């Protein structure tokens, strides 16, 4: 199983970023997928999840209305569109095969700062 996140960076408050997670080594289309994050000095926090066909999505209250999860099963890729970013969104973002993120990628750093 290989999960590789990309798309993080430094952005000003109110800005946007689109994270990607390219996957291999498993049947992506058969797995519900997750985004989790870890802020400095804190534990892992579930952010969002998406059903196998993309038809069902869930979000943490803290990101609802600002973040959008999506997937492309043909490309084995998971996405997270993040809009109206806040300083509290600063974290390392991981894509994962479960809410506990026992299997996750190396992460991509998102820093929201002016």
Protein backbone atom coordinates (compact mmCIF):
# COMPACT_ATOMS: atom_id res chain seq x y z
CA UNK A 1 0.00 0.00 0.00
CA UNK A 2 1.34 3.38 -1.00
CA UNK A 3 -0.28 6.74 -0.27
CA UNK A 4 1.48 9.93 -1.37
CA UNK A 5 0.06 13.32 -0.43
CA UNK A 6 0.93 16.54 -2.21
CA UNK A 7 -0.32 20.08 -2.65
CA UNK A 8 0.43 21.55 0.75
CA UNK A 9 2.20 24.82 1.30
CA UNK A 10 2.07 28.25 2.88
CA UNK A 11 -1.12 30.21 2.31
CA UNK A 12 -2.60 33.36 3.78
CA UNK A 13 -5.80 33.25 5.84
CA UNK A 14 -8.76 33.13 3.52
CA UNK A 15 -6.77 31.39 0.82
CA UNK A 16 -7.23 28.02 -0.83
CA UNK A 17 -5.25 24.86 -1.45
CA UNK A 18 -6.02 21.58 -3.16
CA UNK A 19 -4.43 18.49 -1.71
CA UNK A 20 -3.98 15.30 -3.70
CA UNK A 21 -3.26 11.75 -2.60
CA UNK A 22 -2.03 9.34 -5.22
CA UNK A 23 -2.38 5.71 -4.28
CA UNK A 24 -1.17 2.31 -5.38
CA UNK A 25 -0.89 -1.24 -4.12
CA UNK A 26 -4.55 -1.79 -3.30
CA UNK A 27 -7.94 -1.57 -4.97
CA UNK A 28 -8.59 2.09 -4.39
CA UNK A 29 -12.14 2.01 -5.75
CA UNK A 30 -13.21 -0.48 -3.06
CA UNK A 31 -12.03 1.56 -0.08
CA UNK A 32 -13.75 4.35 1.77
CA UNK A 33 -11.05 7.01 2.06
CA UNK A 34 -10.19 9.55 4.72
CA UNK A 35 -8.30 12.76 5.29
CA UNK A 36 -6.92 13.34 8.76
CA UNK A 37 -4.63 16.05 10.09
CA UNK A 38 -2.22 16.65 12.92
CA UNK A 39 -1.66 20.15 14.20
CA UNK A 40 1.56 21.02 16.02
CA UNK A 41 1.60 19.43 19.46
CA UNK A 42 -1.79 17.74 18.98
CA UNK A 43 -3.09 14.31 18.09
CA UNK A 44 -4.57 13.12 14.84
CA UNK A 45 -7.91 14.68 13.92
CA UNK A 46 -10.33 13.25 11.38
CA UNK A 47 -11.18 15.83 8.73
CA UNK A 48 -13.29 14.16 6.09
CA UNK A 49 -14.23 10.86 4.50
CA UNK A 50 -15.74 9.71 1.23
CA UNK A 51 -17.55 6.57 0.13
CA UNK A 52 -16.21 4.25 -2.52
CA UNK A 53 -18.23 5.85 -5.32
CA UNK A 54 -17.86 9.39 -4.03
CA UNK A 55 -21.57 9.73 -3.46
CA UNK A 56 -21.38 10.06 0.32
CA UNK A 57 -19.11 12.49 2.12
CA UNK A 58 -18.66 13.50 5.74
CA UNK A 59 -16.84 16.40 7.35
CA UNK A 60 -15.70 17.47 10.76
CA UNK A 61 -17.70 20.44 12.00
CA UNK A 62 -14.56 22.57 11.96
CA UNK A 63 -14.20 22.27 8.17
CA UNK A 64 -17.79 21.82 7.03
CA UNK A 65 -18.70 24.29 4.31
CA UNK A 66 -15.06 25.12 3.59
CA UNK A 67 -13.49 21.82 2.56
CA UNK A 68 -14.59 19.41 -0.18
CA UNK A 69 -13.40 15.85 -0.49
CA UNK A 70 -13.51 14.05 -3.82
CA UNK A 71 -11.96 11.11 -5.59
CA UNK A 72 -11.10 9.87 -9.05
CA UNK A 73 -11.29 6.09 -9.05
CA UNK A 74 -9.90 5.87 -12.59
CA UNK A 75 -6.76 7.68 -11.42
CA UNK A 76 -6.64 6.09 -7.93
CA UNK A 77 -6.46 9.59 -6.48
CA UNK A 78 -8.10 11.32 -3.53
CA UNK A 79 -8.49 15.09 -3.26
CA UNK A 80 -9.23 17.70 -0.63
CA UNK A 81 -10.19 21.19 -1.79
CA UNK A 82 -9.67 23.60 1.07
CA UNK A 83 -11.15 27.10 0.89
CA UNK A 84 -11.39 29.97 3.36
CA UNK A 85 -8.41 28.61 5.22
CA UNK A 86 -7.83 29.67 8.81
CA UNK A 87 -4.76 29.59 11.03
CA UNK A 88 -6.39 26.70 12.93
CA UNK A 89 -6.13 24.63 9.75
CA UNK A 90 -2.36 24.61 10.02
CA UNK A 91 -1.35 20.95 10.25
CA UNK A 92 0.17 18.02 8.46
CA UNK A 93 -2.55 16.46 6.32
CA UNK A 94 -2.67 12.75 5.65
CA UNK A 95 -4.80 10.56 3.48
CA UNK A 96 -5.69 7.28 5.12
CA UNK A 97 -7.54 4.01 4.74
CA UNK A 98 -9.37 4.41 8.04
CA UNK A 99 -10.46 7.06 10.51
CA UNK A 100 -7.73 5.94 12.88
CA UNK A 101 -5.22 6.55 10.10
CA UNK A 102 -3.32 3.39 10.98
CA UNK A 103 -2.37 3.23 7.30
CA UNK A 104 -1.56 6.68 5.98
CA UNK A 105 0.88 8.51 3.78
CA UNK A 106 3.83 10.66 4.79
CA UNK A 107 1.66 13.74 4.89
CA UNK A 108 1.81 17.20 3.39
CA UNK A 109 2.31 20.35 5.45
CA UNK A 110 -0.31 23.08 5.29
CA UNK A 111 0.58 26.36 6.95
CA UNK A 112 -1.95 29.17 7.12
CA UNK A 113 -0.30 32.40 8.13
CA UNK A 114 -0.06 36.02 7.12
